[in-house]
Every structure is written in structure tokens, then in C-alpha cells.
Amino acid sequence: MSNIHVTSEIKKLKKVLLHRPGDELLNLTPDTLGELLFDDIPDLAEAQLEHDRFANILRDHGVEVVYLEDLMAETLKARPEIKEQFLDQWITESGVHTEEYHKIIKNYLEKFKDEKELVLKTMAGITFAELGEIHTNFLVDRIATASHLLVNPMPNLYFTRDPFASVGNGAVINRMFSVTRNRETIYADYIFKYHPDYAGNVPDLYGRNNYFHIEGGDVLNVNEKLLFIGMSQRTQPEAIQELAMKMFYENEGNKIETILAFNIPVSRAFMHLDTVFTQIDTDAFTIHPGIMGTLQVFAITKDAAKHDVKIEEHTGKLEDILAKFMGLPKVRLFPCGAGDALAAEREQWNDGSNTLCIAPGTVIVYKRNYVTNKYLKENGFNVLELEASNLCVGRGGPRCMSMPLVRED
């Protein structure tokens, strides 16, 4: 099971990609929280314990867990000739544009002989202190600076859902919304191009160098032929249209026939479609009541005669639109907070609607969303609760922290 195969949100999860939080969280400071998209500074040791619990829940349910840092280290080990290219690219993408600093950082990174240590260092960021005494002829280095960091960390990496999305047998490698996250996609790009298990087997359905941004939290696989994508704070309509064109006309193995694009309100609480809406059974979804009645839904299909796409707006009740496109008599919607407006707002902030479905009707959720979890249990769902007070300050739930690589059909 080396390659990607994902054609649903709910069928039995067989293999998943995670990233265990690392020293990148130690390089968060109160001044950089906004820029690095965190609401607080997590306790690293606790965050790692919580993440290990998450991985163990998955393993206990028969899921093979692989880690981004391991796959990237294996890639560099298998293909030592690409290491220099990777380092040059990583340094440039880190915003280092002077030749002298490029050289200083590269010399520093080349001291890491163990591939995994090197990969973890690229994720953690680099402080000026680590480089020791630097003697350059730059005016900027003569000025006392408030910044301790020469290269920013990538603290959002444990949300492996966003840098790419598994769709069918391919990967949608994304152009991300914020500068701080855009570098994260470099690892998937190298893994799918050069890792012995994946090289040549995983078509890139989008491309990290595209102009328009799209993120994995907005992409939901409904079945082999139907994809839901959110137009959100992080995903532009132009990106969805470009993805549709690539899928319909450039990717031979693609079986997607319809993309439903959901226009969701732009806000931090609703940053992706999966923060307001996830599938939990063949006919059931969790939903944040705040988006009911505000959604515009567009169906995008192939227009072969014009070598273009057809775009049709669908109006009406969300559940009726979902049932129609999924070919079901009806669907069930389970509101976050069980219909209580105050509970919905509070639990939405802690990703009450963001569930990871590992088999039909079996979901992993954050334990702290008591009202929503109780409601799901009362309705017959198998609810696996994860204690995660530190992980949730990055504003993402169990679905955000996981990238399925293989699901059963």
C-alpha cells in the first residue's frame, strides 16, 4: 500500500500521514503568534503527549501511521543527490535573499549528517544564536534587532491536512493562503517526486507554484466522482476552477465528474470548509449552525464541447442539495452544540464540527466539546475522544491533524 487511494471521507482509514509537533513550537513568541497563526503558545511536551495519544487511537483501530518527517528523511536518504537542491530551495523560500546569508545557513545545515535531524531543523526554524558569531559587512547586522529568528519556524505543520489533499490516486499540492504556511508544501512536493514508494506514482493535480491559493481543509472527498470544495478565507474560487480544468482535461486517471463549491463566510472561526462541516457517515454530516442559510453552492462540471467548465448555482436547503448530488433520499445534519447557539459558538472555536471519520459512524473528536460529543453519542455514533488542550490552540481539529493516504473503497 505505497501509493495514494482516497475516494471518500468515511470509508475505513488504512494509512494516514501525521507530523508530530517538534521544536518549531519552541520558536513561537507572543510577538509572532499572529503572523504564525496561533492563538497561544502550546506546551510542547504536553502537545507531543496529546499527539501521541491521537496516533495511538488510530493505530488501535488498525490504521498505519506514517510521519511527514520520516518520509522526507527517507526521501533524502534514498536520493542524496537532491539534498543540495532541497537546501537551496528551502533557504530561498525562507526569505533569505542575500548570497552571504544563504551560504552561512547552508554551511550550518550541512553539519546535520542525520537526515531526520536535518528535516526537523528545517521545520523548527533557525535562530541567530544557533549560528554563533556572524561577521558580515551588512548594515542590518550592525543594528540591534528585536528578532531572534533568522528563519521562521513552521508551527502549523502538525495540521497535515492543509499543504496537500489526497484525491483519488493523486495529490492536490497546494498554494497556501499565508506566507508563513506556503513553505510547508515543499515536503510533500519532494516526497511525491523522489521518495522510492511514491516517485512517479502520484500525479500532482494542482501545483504549489500556482498563483491562486487553496488548502486541504477545504477539500472533501465524497465519492469517486464527487468532490466538495470550500471557497473560504484560505481557498479562492479561481483555484477551484483551475483545479477543475486540470482534473477534467489533464489528469487521465481522474474520475471526478462534479465539484460542488461552497461559498462559506470568511472568518477565523470558519477558516476552512472542514471547520464547519465534516462527513461522519454515509448520509450524515456535522455542521456549524452559523453557516445554515448563508451558503451559496455551485456545481462545476466538464463542458467538453468548449474545453471549459460549466458552472451552475444551486439554491435551496443545504440538506436537499447534498442529498441530490450524493444520490440519497435524504441526509442527516448534526449541528455543533446540539442546536444550542451559545454552545455552538464556544465548541466551534475548539473545532466541534471538525471530526476525523475513520470508518462509517466512527469519529475522532476533541474531548472538550462535551455538548456536541454527547449529542453524537446519543444518535448512535462511535465517538473516540481525544484530550488535547494544547494542540487546539493552533485552531484545528482531528481532521486538520491528519492526511489520509489510503482508505478502503
Protein backbone atom coordinates (compact mmCIF):
# COMPACT_ATOMS: atom_id res chain seq x y z
CA MET A 1 0.00 0.00 0.00
CA SER A 2 2.53 2.57 -1.04
CA ASN A 3 0.52 4.95 -3.14
CA ILE A 4 -2.44 7.22 -2.54
CA HIS A 5 -6.00 5.96 -2.73
CA VAL A 6 -8.73 8.13 -1.20
CA THR A 7 -12.22 8.31 -2.66
CA SER A 8 -14.28 9.13 0.44
CA GLU A 9 -14.26 10.86 3.82
CA ILE A 10 -15.73 7.94 5.72
CA LYS A 11 -14.60 4.54 4.43
CA LYS A 12 -12.21 2.59 6.65
CA LEU A 13 -8.97 4.53 7.03
CA LYS A 14 -5.95 2.32 6.26
CA LYS A 15 -2.98 4.69 6.17
CA VAL A 16 -2.56 8.26 7.39
CA LEU A 17 0.14 10.95 7.35
CA LEU A 18 0.83 12.88 10.57
CA HIS A 19 3.51 15.27 11.83
CA ARG A 20 4.47 15.02 15.50
CA PRO A 21 4.85 18.58 16.85
CA GLY A 22 8.52 19.45 17.38
CA ASP A 23 10.87 22.29 18.25
CA GLU A 24 9.03 24.60 15.84
CA LEU A 25 6.61 25.22 18.75
CA LEU A 26 9.53 26.42 20.94
CA ASN A 27 10.20 29.17 18.41
CA LEU A 28 6.76 30.76 18.89
CA THR A 29 6.79 34.01 20.86
CA PRO A 30 3.94 36.33 21.92
CA ASP A 31 5.07 38.79 19.22
CA THR A 32 4.95 36.21 16.41
CA LEU A 33 1.68 34.45 17.30
CA GLY A 34 -0.44 36.48 14.88
CA GLU A 35 1.99 36.08 11.99
CA LEU A 36 2.36 32.34 12.66
CA LEU A 37 -1.43 31.79 13.05
CA PHE A 38 -1.54 30.63 16.68
CA ASP A 39 -3.76 31.94 19.48
CA ASP A 40 -1.41 30.95 22.29
CA ILE A 41 1.88 29.16 22.89
CA PRO A 42 1.32 25.42 23.47
CA ASP A 43 3.31 23.42 25.99
CA LEU A 44 5.48 21.30 23.65
CA ALA A 45 5.82 18.27 25.95
CA GLU A 46 2.05 18.19 26.52
CA ALA A 47 1.30 18.75 22.83
CA GLN A 48 3.52 15.78 21.96
CA LEU A 49 1.77 13.56 24.55
CA GLU A 50 -1.61 14.58 23.12
CA HIS A 51 -0.41 13.92 19.57
CA ASP A 52 0.98 10.50 20.56
CA ARG A 53 -2.45 9.68 22.05
CA PHE A 54 -4.02 10.68 18.74
CA ALA A 55 -1.63 8.40 16.80
CA ASN A 56 -2.34 5.54 19.22
CA ILE A 57 -6.11 5.85 18.80
CA LEU A 58 -5.51 5.49 15.06
CA ARG A 59 -3.19 2.50 15.47
CA ASP A 60 -5.63 0.83 17.89
CA HIS A 61 -8.20 0.99 15.09
CA GLY A 62 -5.94 -0.67 12.54
CA VAL A 63 -4.61 2.46 10.83
CA GLU A 64 -0.99 2.54 9.65
CA VAL A 65 0.53 5.84 10.82
CA VAL A 66 3.41 7.42 8.87
CA TYR A 67 5.11 10.71 9.70
CA LEU A 68 5.93 13.58 7.35
CA GLU A 69 9.40 14.00 8.90
CA ASP A 70 10.18 10.29 8.38
CA LEU A 71 9.03 10.24 4.74
CA MET A 72 11.09 13.35 3.99
CA ALA A 73 14.17 11.91 5.73
CA GLU A 74 13.74 8.65 3.75
CA THR A 75 13.50 10.71 0.56
CA LEU A 76 16.83 12.45 1.24
CA LYS A 77 18.45 9.16 2.26
CA ALA A 78 17.32 7.39 -0.90
CA ARG A 79 18.32 10.28 -3.17
CA PRO A 80 21.40 12.00 -1.67
CA GLU A 81 21.95 13.88 -4.95
CA ILE A 82 18.82 16.04 -4.32
CA LYS A 83 19.90 17.22 -0.86
CA GLU A 84 21.73 20.30 -2.13
CA GLN A 85 18.85 21.28 -4.41
CA PHE A 86 16.42 20.86 -1.47
CA LEU A 87 18.55 23.02 0.87
CA ASP A 88 18.99 25.79 -1.73
CA GLN A 89 15.27 25.82 -2.42
CA TRP A 90 14.35 25.73 1.27
CA ILE A 91 16.70 28.63 2.09
CA THR A 92 15.36 30.76 -0.79
CA GLU A 93 11.76 30.02 0.17
CA SER A 94 12.57 31.00 3.76
CA GLY A 95 13.03 34.56 2.52
CA VAL A 96 16.84 34.58 2.64
CA HIS A 97 17.90 36.52 -0.45
CA THR A 98 21.50 37.55 0.21
CA GLU A 99 24.23 35.28 -1.06
CA GLU A 100 26.25 35.56 2.11
CA TYR A 101 23.44 34.51 4.45
CA HIS A 102 22.44 31.75 2.05
CA LYS A 103 25.98 30.39 2.38
CA ILE A 104 26.05 30.77 6.19
CA ILE A 105 22.75 28.88 6.62
CA LYS A 106 23.69 26.20 4.12
CA ASN A 107 27.03 25.56 5.88
CA TYR A 108 25.16 25.32 9.18
CA LEU A 109 22.57 22.84 7.81
CA GLU A 110 25.21 20.71 6.10
CA LYS A 111 26.61 19.88 9.55
CA PHE A 112 23.49 17.77 10.19
CA LYS A 113 24.56 14.34 8.99
CA ASP A 114 21.38 12.54 10.11
CA GLU A 115 18.61 13.13 7.55
CA LYS A 116 15.80 13.21 10.10
CA GLU A 117 17.62 15.72 12.31
CA LEU A 118 18.14 17.89 9.25
CA VAL A 119 14.47 17.71 8.27
CA LEU A 120 13.35 18.54 11.82
CA LYS A 121 15.72 21.53 11.86
CA THR A 122 14.22 22.88 8.61
CA MET A 123 10.81 22.62 10.27
CA ALA A 124 11.90 24.22 13.56
CA GLY A 125 13.45 27.40 12.14
CA ILE A 126 16.86 28.89 12.86
CA THR A 127 17.80 31.47 15.50
CA PHE A 128 20.70 33.89 15.20
CA ALA A 129 22.12 32.42 18.43
CA GLU A 130 22.47 28.97 16.85
CA LEU A 131 24.76 30.31 14.15
CA GLY A 132 27.23 31.72 16.69
CA GLU A 133 29.35 34.77 15.83
CA ILE A 134 28.50 36.05 12.37
CA HIS A 135 30.84 38.58 10.76
CA THR A 136 29.24 40.17 7.72
CA ASN A 137 29.58 43.53 6.07
CA PHE A 138 25.81 44.18 6.24
CA LEU A 139 24.46 47.37 7.73
CA VAL A 140 21.46 45.40 9.06
CA ASP A 141 23.77 43.26 11.22
CA ARG A 142 25.16 46.36 12.95
CA ILE A 143 21.71 47.35 14.18
CA ALA A 144 20.29 45.86 17.37
CA THR A 145 17.31 43.85 16.18
CA ALA A 146 14.30 42.60 18.13
CA SER A 147 14.13 39.41 16.09
CA HIS A 148 15.89 36.33 17.44
CA LEU A 149 14.91 34.32 14.39
CA LEU A 150 16.78 34.27 11.14
CA VAL A 151 14.37 31.72 9.64
CA ASN A 152 10.82 31.38 10.93
CA PRO A 153 9.56 28.04 12.25
CA MET A 154 6.64 26.14 10.68
CA PRO A 155 4.45 25.60 13.76
CA ASN A 156 1.32 24.74 11.74
CA LEU A 157 2.91 21.62 10.24
CA TYR A 158 1.08 19.25 12.59
CA PHE A 159 -2.03 20.18 10.61
CA THR A 160 -1.01 17.85 7.79
CA ARG A 161 -4.41 18.23 6.11
CA ASP A 162 -3.63 21.58 4.52
CA PRO A 163 -0.41 21.50 2.44
CA PHE A 164 -1.92 18.95 0.06
CA ALA A 165 -5.10 16.90 -0.37
CA SER A 166 -5.39 13.24 -1.34
CA VAL A 167 -7.98 12.92 -4.13
CA GLY A 168 -8.45 9.56 -5.83
CA ASN A 169 -4.95 8.33 -6.67
CA GLY A 170 -3.41 11.80 -6.82
CA ALA A 171 -2.39 14.69 -4.59
CA VAL A 172 -3.58 18.28 -4.88
CA ILE A 173 -0.34 20.02 -3.81
CA ASN A 174 -1.46 23.43 -2.70
CA ARG A 175 -0.50 27.05 -2.91
CA MET A 176 -1.29 28.13 0.63
CA PHE A 177 -3.00 31.30 1.83
CA SER A 178 -0.42 32.74 4.21
CA VAL A 179 3.28 33.38 3.68
CA THR A 180 4.09 31.51 6.86
CA ARG A 181 2.43 28.27 5.65
CA ASN A 182 3.38 28.39 1.98
CA ARG A 183 6.77 26.77 2.64
CA GLU A 184 5.10 23.71 4.21
CA THR A 185 4.24 22.22 0.82
CA ILE A 186 7.93 21.71 -0.06
CA TYR A 187 7.99 18.39 1.84
CA ALA A 188 5.03 16.81 0.00
CA ASP A 189 6.46 18.04 -3.29
CA TYR A 190 9.79 16.28 -2.69
CA ILE A 191 8.21 13.14 -1.21
CA PHE A 192 5.89 12.59 -4.17
CA LYS A 193 8.61 13.34 -6.71
CA TYR A 194 11.52 11.42 -5.15
CA HIS A 195 10.50 9.02 -2.34
CA PRO A 196 11.02 5.39 -3.51
CA ASP A 197 7.41 4.47 -2.61
CA TYR A 198 5.78 7.45 -4.30
CA ALA A 199 8.00 8.74 -7.13
CA GLY A 200 6.19 8.52 -10.45
CA ASN A 201 3.02 7.11 -8.83
CA VAL A 202 1.27 10.23 -7.52
CA PRO A 203 0.07 12.79 -10.08
CA ASP A 204 0.10 16.38 -8.78
CA LEU A 205 -3.41 17.63 -9.51
CA TYR A 206 -2.71 21.32 -8.81
CA GLY A 207 0.85 22.56 -8.15
CA ARG A 208 2.45 24.58 -5.37
CA ASN A 209 3.66 27.27 -7.77
CA ASN A 210 0.17 28.21 -8.94
CA TYR A 211 -0.86 31.79 -8.30
CA PHE A 212 -4.23 31.13 -6.59
CA HIS A 213 -4.39 29.67 -3.10
CA ILE A 214 -6.21 26.53 -1.98
CA GLU A 215 -5.83 24.42 1.19
CA GLY A 216 -6.62 20.80 2.07
CA GLY A 217 -9.08 21.68 4.83
CA ASP A 218 -11.41 22.89 2.09
CA VAL A 219 -11.31 19.64 0.07
CA LEU A 220 -13.73 16.82 0.96
CA ASN A 221 -13.84 13.54 -0.98
CA VAL A 222 -17.46 12.41 -1.12
CA ASN A 223 -17.10 9.54 -3.55
CA GLU A 224 -15.07 8.56 -6.62
CA LYS A 225 -16.97 11.08 -8.80
CA LEU A 226 -17.88 13.88 -6.38
CA LEU A 227 -15.70 16.42 -4.59
CA PHE A 228 -16.78 19.18 -2.20
CA ILE A 229 -14.54 22.27 -2.00
CA GLY A 230 -15.00 25.30 0.22
CA MET A 231 -14.46 28.86 -1.02
CA SER A 232 -13.18 30.23 2.25
CA GLN A 233 -10.65 32.52 3.90
CA ARG A 234 -7.98 30.14 2.56
CA THR A 235 -9.27 28.93 -0.84
CA GLN A 236 -10.00 31.18 -3.83
CA PRO A 237 -12.71 30.46 -6.43
CA GLU A 238 -10.08 30.84 -9.17
CA ALA A 239 -8.08 27.98 -7.64
CA ILE A 240 -11.14 25.71 -7.66
CA GLN A 241 -11.78 26.48 -11.32
CA GLU A 242 -8.13 25.86 -12.20
CA LEU A 243 -8.19 22.56 -10.27
CA ALA A 244 -11.36 21.53 -12.13
CA MET A 245 -9.71 22.25 -15.51
CA LYS A 246 -6.61 20.24 -14.55
CA MET A 247 -8.68 17.32 -13.29
CA PHE A 248 -11.10 17.24 -16.21
CA TYR A 249 -8.57 17.73 -19.01
CA GLU A 250 -5.02 16.96 -17.86
CA ASN A 251 -5.27 14.03 -15.47
CA GLU A 252 -6.05 10.73 -17.18
CA GLY A 253 -6.71 8.74 -14.01
CA ASN A 254 -9.14 11.32 -12.62
CA LYS A 255 -12.69 10.07 -12.05
CA ILE A 256 -14.17 13.23 -10.51
CA GLU A 257 -17.15 14.39 -12.58
CA THR A 258 -18.62 17.09 -10.31
CA ILE A 259 -17.08 19.58 -7.91
CA LEU A 260 -19.54 21.26 -5.53
CA ALA A 261 -18.10 24.61 -4.45
CA PHE A 262 -19.47 26.00 -1.17
CA ASN A 263 -19.13 29.72 -0.52
CA ILE A 264 -18.62 29.94 3.25
CA PRO A 265 -18.28 33.14 5.33
CA VAL A 266 -14.72 34.45 5.61
CA SER A 267 -13.63 34.39 9.26
CA ARG A 268 -11.01 32.89 11.57
CA ALA A 269 -13.62 30.59 13.17
CA PHE A 270 -14.67 29.33 9.72
CA MET A 271 -11.22 29.20 8.11
CA HIS A 272 -11.88 26.00 6.09
CA LEU A 273 -14.93 24.02 4.98
CA ASP A 274 -13.92 21.25 7.40
CA THR A 275 -14.13 23.64 10.37
CA VAL A 276 -17.86 24.00 9.75
CA PHE A 277 -18.76 20.76 8.01
CA THR A 278 -17.45 17.16 8.05
CA GLN A 279 -18.96 13.86 6.91
CA ILE A 280 -19.42 11.26 9.65
CA ASP A 281 -21.47 8.51 7.95
CA THR A 282 -22.80 7.62 4.50
CA ASP A 283 -25.70 10.07 4.96
CA ALA A 284 -24.58 12.20 7.92
CA PHE A 285 -22.59 15.41 8.49
CA THR A 286 -21.61 17.57 11.44
CA ILE A 287 -22.33 21.20 10.69
CA HIS A 288 -21.93 24.57 12.35
CA PRO A 289 -25.40 26.15 12.52
CA GLY A 290 -23.80 29.54 11.77
CA ILE A 291 -23.44 28.63 8.08
CA MET A 292 -27.01 27.41 7.53
CA GLY A 293 -28.91 29.72 5.27
CA THR A 294 -25.82 31.68 4.20
CA LEU A 295 -24.34 29.17 1.79
CA GLN A 296 -24.09 29.62 -1.95
CA VAL A 297 -23.44 26.30 -3.69
CA PHE A 298 -22.10 25.93 -7.24
CA ALA A 299 -21.80 22.73 -9.28
CA ILE A 300 -18.78 22.63 -11.60
CA THR A 301 -18.81 20.01 -14.38
CA LYS A 302 -16.94 19.39 -17.62
CA ASP A 303 -18.00 21.24 -20.79
CA ALA A 304 -16.10 19.12 -23.33
CA ALA A 305 -17.52 20.94 -26.37
CA LYS A 306 -15.94 24.23 -25.24
CA HIS A 307 -12.92 22.67 -23.45
CA ASP A 308 -14.13 24.55 -20.38
CA VAL A 309 -16.27 24.05 -17.27
CA LYS A 310 -20.00 24.51 -16.69
CA ILE A 311 -20.91 26.39 -13.52
CA GLU A 312 -24.44 26.18 -12.13
CA GLU A 313 -25.66 27.75 -8.89
CA HIS A 314 -27.96 25.59 -6.75
CA THR A 315 -30.29 27.19 -4.25
CA GLY A 316 -32.49 25.70 -1.57
CA LYS A 317 -31.91 23.86 1.66
CA LEU A 318 -28.38 22.57 2.13
CA GLU A 319 -29.59 19.08 3.05
CA ASP A 320 -31.65 18.87 -0.17
CA ILE A 321 -28.69 19.92 -2.32
CA LEU A 322 -26.40 17.40 -0.59
CA ALA A 323 -28.93 14.56 -0.97
CA LYS A 324 -29.44 15.36 -4.65
CA PHE A 325 -25.74 15.29 -5.56
CA MET A 326 -24.97 12.29 -3.35
CA GLY A 327 -27.88 10.33 -4.83
CA LEU A 328 -29.52 9.80 -1.42
CA PRO A 329 -33.20 10.16 -0.43
CA LYS A 330 -32.08 12.45 2.41
CA VAL A 331 -29.08 13.39 4.55
CA ARG A 332 -28.83 13.98 8.30
CA LEU A 333 -27.16 17.15 9.62
CA PHE A 334 -25.91 17.24 13.22
CA PRO A 335 -25.35 20.82 14.40
CA CYS A 336 -22.35 21.67 16.56
CA GLY A 337 -23.56 22.37 20.10
CA ALA A 338 -26.68 20.22 19.51
CA GLY A 339 -28.64 23.29 18.45
CA ASP A 340 -27.70 25.48 21.45
CA ALA A 341 -26.41 28.76 19.97
CA LEU A 342 -24.00 29.54 22.83
CA ALA A 343 -22.57 26.00 22.96
CA ALA A 344 -22.25 26.01 19.16
CA GLU A 345 -20.18 29.19 19.17
CA ARG A 346 -17.94 28.01 22.00
CA GLU A 347 -17.41 24.48 20.69
CA GLN A 348 -16.98 25.68 17.11
CA TRP A 349 -14.00 27.72 18.34
CA ASN A 350 -12.50 24.44 19.58
CA ASP A 351 -13.31 22.59 16.34
CA GLY A 352 -16.50 20.89 17.47
CA SER A 353 -17.51 20.30 13.83
CA ASN A 354 -14.05 19.09 12.79
CA THR A 355 -14.16 15.31 13.09
CA LEU A 356 -11.93 12.65 11.61
CA CYS A 357 -14.06 9.75 10.40
CA ILE A 358 -12.01 6.52 10.47
CA ALA A 359 -14.89 4.20 9.47
CA PRO A 360 -18.60 4.88 8.78
CA GLY A 361 -20.08 6.22 12.03
CA THR A 362 -16.76 6.16 13.95
CA VAL A 363 -15.19 9.56 14.55
CA ILE A 364 -12.27 11.06 16.47
CA VAL A 365 -13.15 14.35 18.19
CA TYR A 366 -11.70 16.71 20.82
CA LYS A 367 -12.93 15.65 24.26
CA ARG A 368 -13.57 19.25 25.35
CA ASN A 369 -16.60 19.63 23.05
CA TYR A 370 -18.90 17.91 25.54
CA VAL A 371 -22.26 19.10 24.21
CA THR A 372 -21.59 18.11 20.60
CA ASN A 373 -19.96 14.80 21.57
CA LYS A 374 -22.86 13.80 23.84
CA TYR A 375 -25.31 14.63 21.03
CA LEU A 376 -23.39 12.46 18.54
CA LYS A 377 -23.23 9.55 21.03
CA GLU A 378 -26.98 9.79 21.67
CA ASN A 379 -27.50 9.49 17.93
CA GLY A 380 -25.60 6.22 17.73
CA PHE A 381 -22.14 7.38 16.62
CA ASN A 382 -18.99 5.74 17.94
CA VAL A 383 -17.21 8.80 19.37
CA LEU A 384 -13.49 8.48 20.19
CA GLU A 385 -12.48 11.43 22.38
CA LEU A 386 -9.01 12.98 22.36
CA GLU A 387 -7.83 15.11 25.29
CA ALA A 388 -5.99 17.96 23.52
CA SER A 389 -5.87 21.30 25.34
CA ASN A 390 -2.50 22.21 23.81
CA LEU A 391 -2.99 21.05 20.23
CA CYS A 392 -6.19 23.04 19.81
CA VAL A 393 -4.54 26.47 20.28
CA GLY A 394 -3.36 26.21 16.66
CA ARG A 395 -7.08 26.26 15.71
CA GLY A 396 -7.54 22.88 14.08
CA GLY A 397 -9.23 19.61 14.97
CA PRO A 398 -8.58 15.89 14.40
CA ARG A 399 -9.37 16.12 10.67
CA CYS A 400 -6.91 19.01 10.32
CA MET A 401 -4.17 16.95 12.01
CA SER A 402 -4.45 14.02 9.59
CA MET A 403 -3.92 13.41 5.89
CA PRO A 404 -5.44 10.09 4.75
CA LEU A 405 -3.22 8.33 2.22
CA VAL A 406 -5.27 5.15 1.81
CA ARG A 407 -8.93 4.40 2.52
CA GLU A 408 -10.82 1.26 1.63
CA ASP A 409 -13.34 1.52 -1.22
